[in-house]
């Protein structure tokens, strides 16, 4: 049983990590189980250079929506709980120091309003309300997506989905995955942002449709050669 589980985990993570990344993940898990402090070099998304820090692992979270794993713990460089993307760890060393998890750390309370791995404690909770059409309503209703969610059926066979999150970035990625089968009702700022992105997509495909210089079809579904930026025609078999 455990052998099969180990194989499943390895297969799941094999396409996510380089060999060093797999070693890093295994060392993080070992340090977590044995409460051993780590010395790591980490490069954040905002900085080009990595920085060394001591780090105590509190929790490891895989996030399938972005094909990545994250580690949450006490960052001694910033003297606070931080969330790090495991792929960005460039060096890792297990020290001889033991650590205890802070008594005020509660992973469930921390995730009460979090969607995905985006954790920001300095933003107020925001209620998000979405309308799903009848094509996907059954899929939305069969899953608990968030602890705060509520779902109401609509007369046309769709549903209204509501949840309270502390940052809209995570849920916006989820909204995108439903394409035209979902409409943002609230907050207005998120509705406008998603609508603008949809308009940009429409403009992108329309520009491709109008980029033909050789009289080919202007159907936006016809593939475009990005290197030459003109229509690619394929012989019909």
C-alpha atoms as a PDB file:
ATOM      1  CA  UNK A   1       0.000   0.000   0.000  1.00  0.00           C
ATOM      2  CA  UNK A   2       2.655   2.510   1.064  1.00  0.00           C
ATOM      3  CA  UNK A   3       4.834   1.471  -1.866  1.00  0.00           C
ATOM      4  CA  UNK A   4       1.998   2.244  -4.284  1.00  0.00           C
ATOM      5  CA  UNK A   5       1.367   5.566  -2.552  1.00  0.00           C
ATOM      6  CA  UNK A   6       5.032   6.499  -2.875  1.00  0.00           C
ATOM      7  CA  UNK A   7       4.977   5.647  -6.596  1.00  0.00           C
ATOM      8  CA  UNK A   8       1.825   7.734  -7.075  1.00  0.00           C
ATOM      9  CA  UNK A   9       3.407  10.753  -5.391  1.00  0.00           C
ATOM     10  CA  UNK A  10       6.563  10.386  -7.475  1.00  0.00           C
ATOM     11  CA  UNK A  11       4.557  10.167 -10.692  1.00  0.00           C
ATOM     12  CA  UNK A  12       2.451  13.166  -9.693  1.00  0.00           C
ATOM     13  CA  UNK A  13       5.459  15.361  -8.979  1.00  0.00           C
ATOM     14  CA  UNK A  14       7.830  14.092 -11.683  1.00  0.00           C
ATOM     15  CA  UNK A  15       6.627  16.559 -14.314  1.00  0.00           C
ATOM     16  CA  UNK A  16       6.684  19.456 -11.852  1.00  0.00           C
ATOM     17  CA  UNK A  17      10.313  19.389 -10.759  1.00  0.00           C
ATOM     18  CA  UNK A  18      13.871  18.974 -11.888  1.00  0.00           C
ATOM     19  CA  UNK A  19      15.937  16.394 -10.038  1.00  0.00           C
ATOM     20  CA  UNK A  20      17.098  19.102  -7.619  1.00  0.00           C
ATOM     21  CA  UNK A  21      13.488  20.120  -7.064  1.00  0.00           C
ATOM     22  CA  UNK A  22      12.552  16.556  -6.138  1.00  0.00           C
ATOM     23  CA  UNK A  23      15.459  16.395  -3.698  1.00  0.00           C
ATOM     24  CA  UNK A  24      14.382  19.742  -2.208  1.00  0.00           C
ATOM     25  CA  UNK A  25      10.831  18.509  -1.723  1.00  0.00           C
ATOM     26  CA  UNK A  26      12.014  15.322  -0.030  1.00  0.00           C
ATOM     27  CA  UNK A  27      14.367  17.279   2.263  1.00  0.00           C
ATOM     28  CA  UNK A  28      11.567  19.693   3.168  1.00  0.00           C
ATOM     29  CA  UNK A  29       9.283  16.807   4.089  1.00  0.00           C
ATOM     30  CA  UNK A  30      12.028  15.148   6.154  1.00  0.00           C
ATOM     31  CA  UNK A  31      12.792  18.399   7.986  1.00  0.00           C
ATOM     32  CA  UNK A  32       9.071  18.940   8.613  1.00  0.00           C
ATOM     33  CA  UNK A  33       8.547  15.486  10.097  1.00  0.00           C
ATOM     34  CA  UNK A  34      11.711  15.649  12.220  1.00  0.00           C
ATOM     35  CA  UNK A  35      11.364  19.343  13.188  1.00  0.00           C
ATOM     36  CA  UNK A  36      14.809  20.253  11.878  1.00  0.00           C
ATOM     37  CA  UNK A  37      15.632  23.829  10.916  1.00  0.00           C
ATOM     38  CA  UNK A  38      16.733  24.477   7.344  1.00  0.00           C
ATOM     39  CA  UNK A  39      19.248  26.840   5.798  1.00  0.00           C
ATOM     40  CA  UNK A  40      18.093  27.768   2.305  1.00  0.00           C
ATOM     41  CA  UNK A  41      18.793  30.196  -0.509  1.00  0.00           C
ATOM     42  CA  UNK A  42      15.590  31.499  -2.031  1.00  0.00           C
ATOM     43  CA  UNK A  43      14.797  33.807  -4.925  1.00  0.00           C
ATOM     44  CA  UNK A  44      11.471  35.582  -4.722  1.00  0.00           C
ATOM     45  CA  UNK A  45       9.467  36.587  -7.789  1.00  0.00           C
ATOM     46  CA  UNK A  46      10.296  40.254  -7.166  1.00  0.00           C
ATOM     47  CA  UNK A  47      14.075  39.820  -6.864  1.00  0.00           C
ATOM     48  CA  UNK A  48      16.705  38.510  -9.248  1.00  0.00           C
ATOM     49  CA  UNK A  49      19.204  37.566  -6.533  1.00  0.00           C
ATOM     50  CA  UNK A  50      18.589  34.824  -3.992  1.00  0.00           C
ATOM     51  CA  UNK A  51      18.976  35.390  -0.250  1.00  0.00           C
ATOM     52  CA  UNK A  52      20.044  32.992   2.461  1.00  0.00           C
ATOM     53  CA  UNK A  53      17.782  32.416   5.440  1.00  0.00           C
ATOM     54  CA  UNK A  54      16.947  29.941   8.180  1.00  0.00           C
ATOM     55  CA  UNK A  55      13.517  28.417   7.759  1.00  0.00           C
ATOM     56  CA  UNK A  56      11.233  26.266   9.939  1.00  0.00           C
ATOM     57  CA  UNK A  57       8.734  24.184   7.964  1.00  0.00           C
ATOM     58  CA  UNK A  58       5.151  24.422   9.251  1.00  0.00           C
ATOM     59  CA  UNK A  59       3.189  23.055   6.305  1.00  0.00           C
ATOM     60  CA  UNK A  60       3.638  21.877   2.696  1.00  0.00           C
ATOM     61  CA  UNK A  61       0.859  22.519   0.219  1.00  0.00           C
ATOM     62  CA  UNK A  62       0.569  21.265  -3.382  1.00  0.00           C
ATOM     63  CA  UNK A  63      -1.495  23.515  -5.638  1.00  0.00           C
ATOM     64  CA  UNK A  64      -2.583  21.675  -8.755  1.00  0.00           C
ATOM     65  CA  UNK A  65      -4.017  24.770 -10.465  1.00  0.00           C
ATOM     66  CA  UNK A  66      -0.509  26.166 -11.030  1.00  0.00           C
ATOM     67  CA  UNK A  67       1.384  22.830 -10.943  1.00  0.00           C
ATOM     68  CA  UNK A  68       3.520  23.845  -7.969  1.00  0.00           C
ATOM     69  CA  UNK A  69       4.123  23.044  -4.315  1.00  0.00           C
ATOM     70  CA  UNK A  70       4.541  25.650  -1.589  1.00  0.00           C
ATOM     71  CA  UNK A  71       6.075  25.508   1.865  1.00  0.00           C
ATOM     72  CA  UNK A  72       4.736  27.613   4.726  1.00  0.00           C
ATOM     73  CA  UNK A  73       6.865  28.297   7.779  1.00  0.00           C
ATOM     74  CA  UNK A  74       8.798  30.674   9.968  1.00  0.00           C
ATOM     75  CA  UNK A  75      11.212  32.778   7.923  1.00  0.00           C
ATOM     76  CA  UNK A  76      14.048  33.933  10.190  1.00  0.00           C
ATOM     77  CA  UNK A  77      15.181  36.517   7.651  1.00  0.00           C
ATOM     78  CA  UNK A  78      11.900  38.427   7.910  1.00  0.00           C
ATOM     79  CA  UNK A  79      10.964  37.161  11.383  1.00  0.00           C
ATOM     80  CA  UNK A  80       7.459  36.121  10.340  1.00  0.00           C
ATOM     81  CA  UNK A  81       5.492  33.296   8.732  1.00  0.00           C
ATOM     82  CA  UNK A  82       6.115  33.257   4.976  1.00  0.00           C
ATOM     83  CA  UNK A  83       4.924  31.160   2.026  1.00  0.00           C
ATOM     84  CA  UNK A  84       7.683  30.070  -0.372  1.00  0.00           C
ATOM     85  CA  UNK A  85       7.417  28.433  -3.768  1.00  0.00           C
ATOM     86  CA  UNK A  86       9.520  25.277  -3.639  1.00  0.00           C
ATOM     87  CA  UNK A  87      10.691  25.664  -7.250  1.00  0.00           C
ATOM     88  CA  UNK A  88      12.441  28.914  -6.259  1.00  0.00           C
ATOM     89  CA  UNK A  89      14.601  27.304  -3.571  1.00  0.00           C
ATOM     90  CA  UNK A  90      18.110  27.247  -5.038  1.00  0.00           C
ATOM     91  CA  UNK A  91      20.031  25.673  -2.149  1.00  0.00           C
ATOM     92  CA  UNK A  92      18.874  23.696   0.851  1.00  0.00           C
ATOM     93  CA  UNK A  93      20.693  22.326   3.894  1.00  0.00           C
ATOM     94  CA  UNK A  94      19.325  20.548   6.959  1.00  0.00           C
ATOM     95  CA  UNK A  95      20.877  21.909  10.161  1.00  0.00           C
ATOM     96  CA  UNK A  96      21.258  20.229  13.573  1.00  0.00           C
ATOM     97  CA  UNK A  97      18.913  22.784  15.176  1.00  0.00           C
ATOM     98  CA  UNK A  98      15.478  21.666  16.312  1.00  0.00           C
ATOM     99  CA  UNK A  99      12.462  23.950  16.306  1.00  0.00           C
ATOM    100  CA  UNK A 100       8.955  24.132  17.748  1.00  0.00           C
ATOM    101  CA  UNK A 101       6.018  25.461  15.796  1.00  0.00           C
ATOM    102  CA  UNK A 102       4.666  28.739  17.150  1.00  0.00           C
ATOM    103  CA  UNK A 103       1.587  28.205  19.310  1.00  0.00           C
ATOM    104  CA  UNK A 104      -0.313  30.991  17.550  1.00  0.00           C
ATOM    105  CA  UNK A 105       0.039  29.344  14.131  1.00  0.00           C
ATOM    106  CA  UNK A 106      -3.269  27.858  12.940  1.00  0.00           C
ATOM    107  CA  UNK A 107      -3.252  26.608   9.353  1.00  0.00           C
ATOM    108  CA  UNK A 108      -7.039  26.286   9.263  1.00  0.00           C
ATOM    109  CA  UNK A 109      -7.607  29.836  10.479  1.00  0.00           C
ATOM    110  CA  UNK A 110      -4.953  31.033   8.050  1.00  0.00           C
ATOM    111  CA  UNK A 111      -6.795  29.424   5.143  1.00  0.00           C
ATOM    112  CA  UNK A 112     -10.304  30.391   6.258  1.00  0.00           C
ATOM    113  CA  UNK A 113     -10.529  33.127   3.598  1.00  0.00           C
ATOM    114  CA  UNK A 114      -7.669  32.055   1.339  1.00  0.00           C
ATOM    115  CA  UNK A 115      -8.296  30.827  -2.200  1.00  0.00           C
ATOM    116  CA  UNK A 116      -5.350  28.791  -3.383  1.00  0.00           C
ATOM    117  CA  UNK A 117      -1.971  29.647  -1.896  1.00  0.00           C
ATOM    118  CA  UNK A 118      -2.330  33.457  -1.956  1.00  0.00           C
ATOM    119  CA  UNK A 119      -2.085  34.387   1.721  1.00  0.00           C
ATOM    120  CA  UNK A 120      -2.175  38.073   2.620  1.00  0.00           C
ATOM    121  CA  UNK A 121      -3.037  39.109   6.150  1.00  0.00           C
ATOM    122  CA  UNK A 122      -3.146  42.842   5.422  1.00  0.00           C
ATOM    123  CA  UNK A 123      -6.143  42.840   3.068  1.00  0.00           C
ATOM    124  CA  UNK A 124      -9.783  42.856   4.222  1.00  0.00           C
ATOM    125  CA  UNK A 125     -12.023  39.926   3.241  1.00  0.00           C
ATOM    126  CA  UNK A 126     -13.966  40.406   0.001  1.00  0.00           C
ATOM    127  CA  UNK A 127     -17.206  38.704  -0.962  1.00  0.00           C
ATOM    128  CA  UNK A 128     -17.140  37.305  -4.493  1.00  0.00           C
ATOM    129  CA  UNK A 129     -20.376  36.395  -6.270  1.00  0.00           C
ATOM    130  CA  UNK A 130     -20.420  34.458  -9.563  1.00  0.00           C
ATOM    131  CA  UNK A 131     -23.147  33.267 -11.906  1.00  0.00           C
ATOM    132  CA  UNK A 132     -22.573  29.886 -13.585  1.00  0.00           C
ATOM    133  CA  UNK A 133     -24.737  28.761 -16.489  1.00  0.00           C
ATOM    134  CA  UNK A 134     -26.549  25.435 -16.717  1.00  0.00           C
ATOM    135  CA  UNK A 135     -23.747  23.822 -18.725  1.00  0.00           C
ATOM    136  CA  UNK A 136     -21.411  23.674 -15.718  1.00  0.00           C
ATOM    137  CA  UNK A 137     -23.668  24.245 -12.687  1.00  0.00           C
ATOM    138  CA  UNK A 138     -23.685  20.551 -11.753  1.00  0.00           C
ATOM    139  CA  UNK A 139     -19.868  20.481 -11.687  1.00  0.00           C
ATOM    140  CA  UNK A 140     -19.729  23.578  -9.521  1.00  0.00           C
ATOM    141  CA  UNK A 141     -22.226  22.139  -7.032  1.00  0.00           C
ATOM    142  CA  UNK A 142     -20.568  18.747  -6.638  1.00  0.00           C
ATOM    143  CA  UNK A 143     -17.377  20.152  -5.060  1.00  0.00           C
ATOM    144  CA  UNK A 144     -16.585  22.119  -1.901  1.00  0.00           C
ATOM    145  CA  UNK A 145     -14.272  24.755  -3.357  1.00  0.00           C
ATOM    146  CA  UNK A 146     -13.962  26.957  -0.272  1.00  0.00           C
ATOM    147  CA  UNK A 147     -15.024  26.809   3.408  1.00  0.00           C
ATOM    148  CA  UNK A 148     -17.143  29.963   3.069  1.00  0.00           C
ATOM    149  CA  UNK A 149     -18.946  29.029  -0.132  1.00  0.00           C
ATOM    150  CA  UNK A 150     -22.703  29.120  -0.641  1.00  0.00           C
ATOM    151  CA  UNK A 151     -24.561  28.067  -3.794  1.00  0.00           C
ATOM    152  CA  UNK A 152     -28.062  28.992  -4.902  1.00  0.00           C
ATOM    153  CA  UNK A 153     -29.889  27.468  -7.858  1.00  0.00           C
ATOM    154  CA  UNK A 154     -31.337  29.756 -10.535  1.00  0.00           C
ATOM    155  CA  UNK A 155     -34.504  29.213 -12.550  1.00  0.00           C
ATOM    156  CA  UNK A 156     -32.594  28.730 -15.806  1.00  0.00           C
ATOM    157  CA  UNK A 157     -30.677  25.727 -14.447  1.00  0.00           C
ATOM    158  CA  UNK A 158     -27.554  27.655 -13.475  1.00  0.00           C
ATOM    159  CA  UNK A 159     -26.400  28.685 -10.027  1.00  0.00           C
ATOM    160  CA  UNK A 160     -25.051  31.631  -8.031  1.00  0.00           C
ATOM    161  CA  UNK A 161     -21.783  30.903  -6.233  1.00  0.00           C
ATOM    162  CA  UNK A 162     -20.620  33.092  -3.316  1.00  0.00           C
ATOM    163  CA  UNK A 163     -17.443  32.994  -1.221  1.00  0.00           C
ATOM    164  CA  UNK A 164     -15.452  35.354   0.994  1.00  0.00           C
ATOM    165  CA  UNK A 165     -11.728  35.588   0.197  1.00  0.00           C
ATOM    166  CA  UNK A 166      -8.897  37.809   1.396  1.00  0.00           C
ATOM    167  CA  UNK A 167      -7.451  38.301  -2.082  1.00  0.00           C
ATOM    168  CA  UNK A 168      -9.102  37.991  -5.505  1.00  0.00           C
ATOM    169  CA  UNK A 169      -5.961  36.831  -7.364  1.00  0.00           C
ATOM    170  CA  UNK A 170      -6.415  33.172  -6.495  1.00  0.00           C
ATOM    171  CA  UNK A 171     -10.105  33.023  -7.310  1.00  0.00           C
ATOM    172  CA  UNK A 172      -9.575  35.017 -10.513  1.00  0.00           C
ATOM    173  CA  UNK A 173      -7.396  32.204 -11.864  1.00  0.00           C
ATOM    174  CA  UNK A 174     -10.229  29.808 -11.063  1.00  0.00           C
ATOM    175  CA  UNK A 175     -12.768  32.077 -12.764  1.00  0.00           C
ATOM    176  CA  UNK A 176     -10.663  32.135 -15.942  1.00  0.00           C
ATOM    177  CA  UNK A 177     -10.708  28.332 -16.073  1.00  0.00           C
ATOM    178  CA  UNK A 178     -14.506  28.362 -16.616  1.00  0.00           C
ATOM    179  CA  UNK A 179     -14.317  30.595 -19.687  1.00  0.00           C
ATOM    180  CA  UNK A 180     -17.678  31.935 -20.936  1.00  0.00           C
ATOM    181  CA  UNK A 181     -19.642  29.660 -18.563  1.00  0.00           C
ATOM    182  CA  UNK A 182     -19.211  32.054 -15.638  1.00  0.00           C
ATOM    183  CA  UNK A 183     -20.041  35.723 -15.066  1.00  0.00           C
ATOM    184  CA  UNK A 184     -18.623  37.839 -12.233  1.00  0.00           C
ATOM    185  CA  UNK A 185     -21.443  39.621 -10.427  1.00  0.00           C
ATOM    186  CA  UNK A 186     -19.487  41.072  -7.513  1.00  0.00           C
ATOM    187  CA  UNK A 187     -17.235  42.861  -6.659  1.00  0.00           C
ATOM    188  CA  UNK A 188     -17.563  45.408  -9.429  1.00  0.00           C
ATOM    189  CA  UNK A 189     -13.793  45.936  -9.673  1.00  0.00           C
ATOM    190  CA  UNK A 190     -13.235  42.215 -10.337  1.00  0.00           C
ATOM    191  CA  UNK A 191     -16.083  42.171 -12.857  1.00  0.00           C
ATOM    192  CA  UNK A 192     -14.486  45.055 -14.766  1.00  0.00           C
ATOM    193  CA  UNK A 193     -11.043  43.434 -14.614  1.00  0.00           C
ATOM    194  CA  UNK A 194     -12.273  40.091 -15.983  1.00  0.00           C
ATOM    195  CA  UNK A 195     -14.331  41.869 -18.667  1.00  0.00           C
ATOM    196  CA  UNK A 196     -11.253  43.809 -19.801  1.00  0.00           C
ATOM    197  CA  UNK A 197      -9.246  40.598 -20.030  1.00  0.00           C
ATOM    198  CA  UNK A 198     -12.006  39.015 -22.112  1.00  0.00           C
ATOM    199  CA  UNK A 199     -11.984  42.035 -24.405  1.00  0.00           C
ATOM    200  CA  UNK A 200      -8.216  41.742 -24.814  1.00  0.00           C
ATOM    201  CA  UNK A 201      -8.612  38.097 -25.799  1.00  0.00           C
ATOM    202  CA  UNK A 202     -11.281  39.024 -28.331  1.00  0.00           C
ATOM    203  CA  UNK A 203      -9.026  41.734 -29.754  1.00  0.00           C
ATOM    204  CA  UNK A 204      -6.078  39.325 -29.904  1.00  0.00           C
ATOM    205  CA  UNK A 205      -7.943  36.732 -31.960  1.00  0.00           C
ATOM    206  CA  UNK A 206      -9.558  39.375 -34.144  1.00  0.00           C
ATOM    207  CA  UNK A 207      -6.151  40.867 -34.915  1.00  0.00           C
ATOM    208  CA  UNK A 208      -4.936  37.423 -35.937  1.00  0.00           C
ATOM    209  CA  UNK A 209      -7.951  37.046 -38.173  1.00  0.00           C
ATOM    210  CA  UNK A 210      -7.133  40.348 -39.901  1.00  0.00           C
ATOM    211  CA  UNK A 211      -3.385  39.712 -40.184  1.00  0.00           C
ATOM    212  CA  UNK A 212      -3.646  37.767 -43.429  1.00  0.00           C
ATOM    213  CA  UNK A 213      -1.702  39.336 -46.255  1.00  0.00           C
ATOM    214  CA  UNK A 214      -2.174  36.572 -48.822  1.00  0.00           C
ATOM    215  CA  UNK A 215      -5.948  36.450 -49.092  1.00  0.00           C
ATOM    216  CA  UNK A 216      -6.355  33.461 -46.779  1.00  0.00           C
ATOM    217  CA  UNK A 217      -9.471  32.948 -44.657  1.00  0.00           C
ATOM    218  CA  UNK A 218      -9.957  35.485 -41.851  1.00  0.00           C
ATOM    219  CA  UNK A 219     -11.444  32.904 -39.525  1.00  0.00           C
ATOM    220  CA  UNK A 220      -9.912  33.620 -36.054  1.00  0.00           C
ATOM    221  CA  UNK A 221      -9.769  29.878 -35.400  1.00  0.00           C
ATOM    222  CA  UNK A 222      -7.265  29.372 -38.212  1.00  0.00           C
ATOM    223  CA  UNK A 223      -3.760  29.016 -36.633  1.00  0.00           C
ATOM    224  CA  UNK A 224      -1.225  31.787 -37.109  1.00  0.00           C
ATOM    225  CA  UNK A 225       2.535  31.368 -37.454  1.00  0.00           C
ATOM    226  CA  UNK A 226       3.741  33.569 -34.594  1.00  0.00           C
ATOM    227  CA  UNK A 227       7.269  33.881 -36.020  1.00  0.00           C
ATOM    228  CA  UNK A 228       6.028  35.389 -39.307  1.00  0.00           C
ATOM    229  CA  UNK A 229       2.686  36.701 -38.027  1.00  0.00           C
ATOM    230  CA  UNK A 230       0.642  35.591 -40.989  1.00  0.00           C
ATOM    231  CA  UNK A 231      -1.863  32.900 -41.712  1.00  0.00           C
ATOM    232  CA  UNK A 232      -0.749  29.289 -41.847  1.00  0.00           C
ATOM    233  CA  UNK A 233      -2.633  27.100 -44.303  1.00  0.00           C
ATOM    234  CA  UNK A 234      -2.572  23.333 -44.125  1.00  0.00           C
ATOM    235  CA  UNK A 235      -3.377  20.993 -47.014  1.00  0.00           C
ATOM    236  CA  UNK A 236      -6.635  19.124 -46.623  1.00  0.00           C
ATOM    237  CA  UNK A 237      -5.900  15.368 -46.508  1.00  0.00           C
END
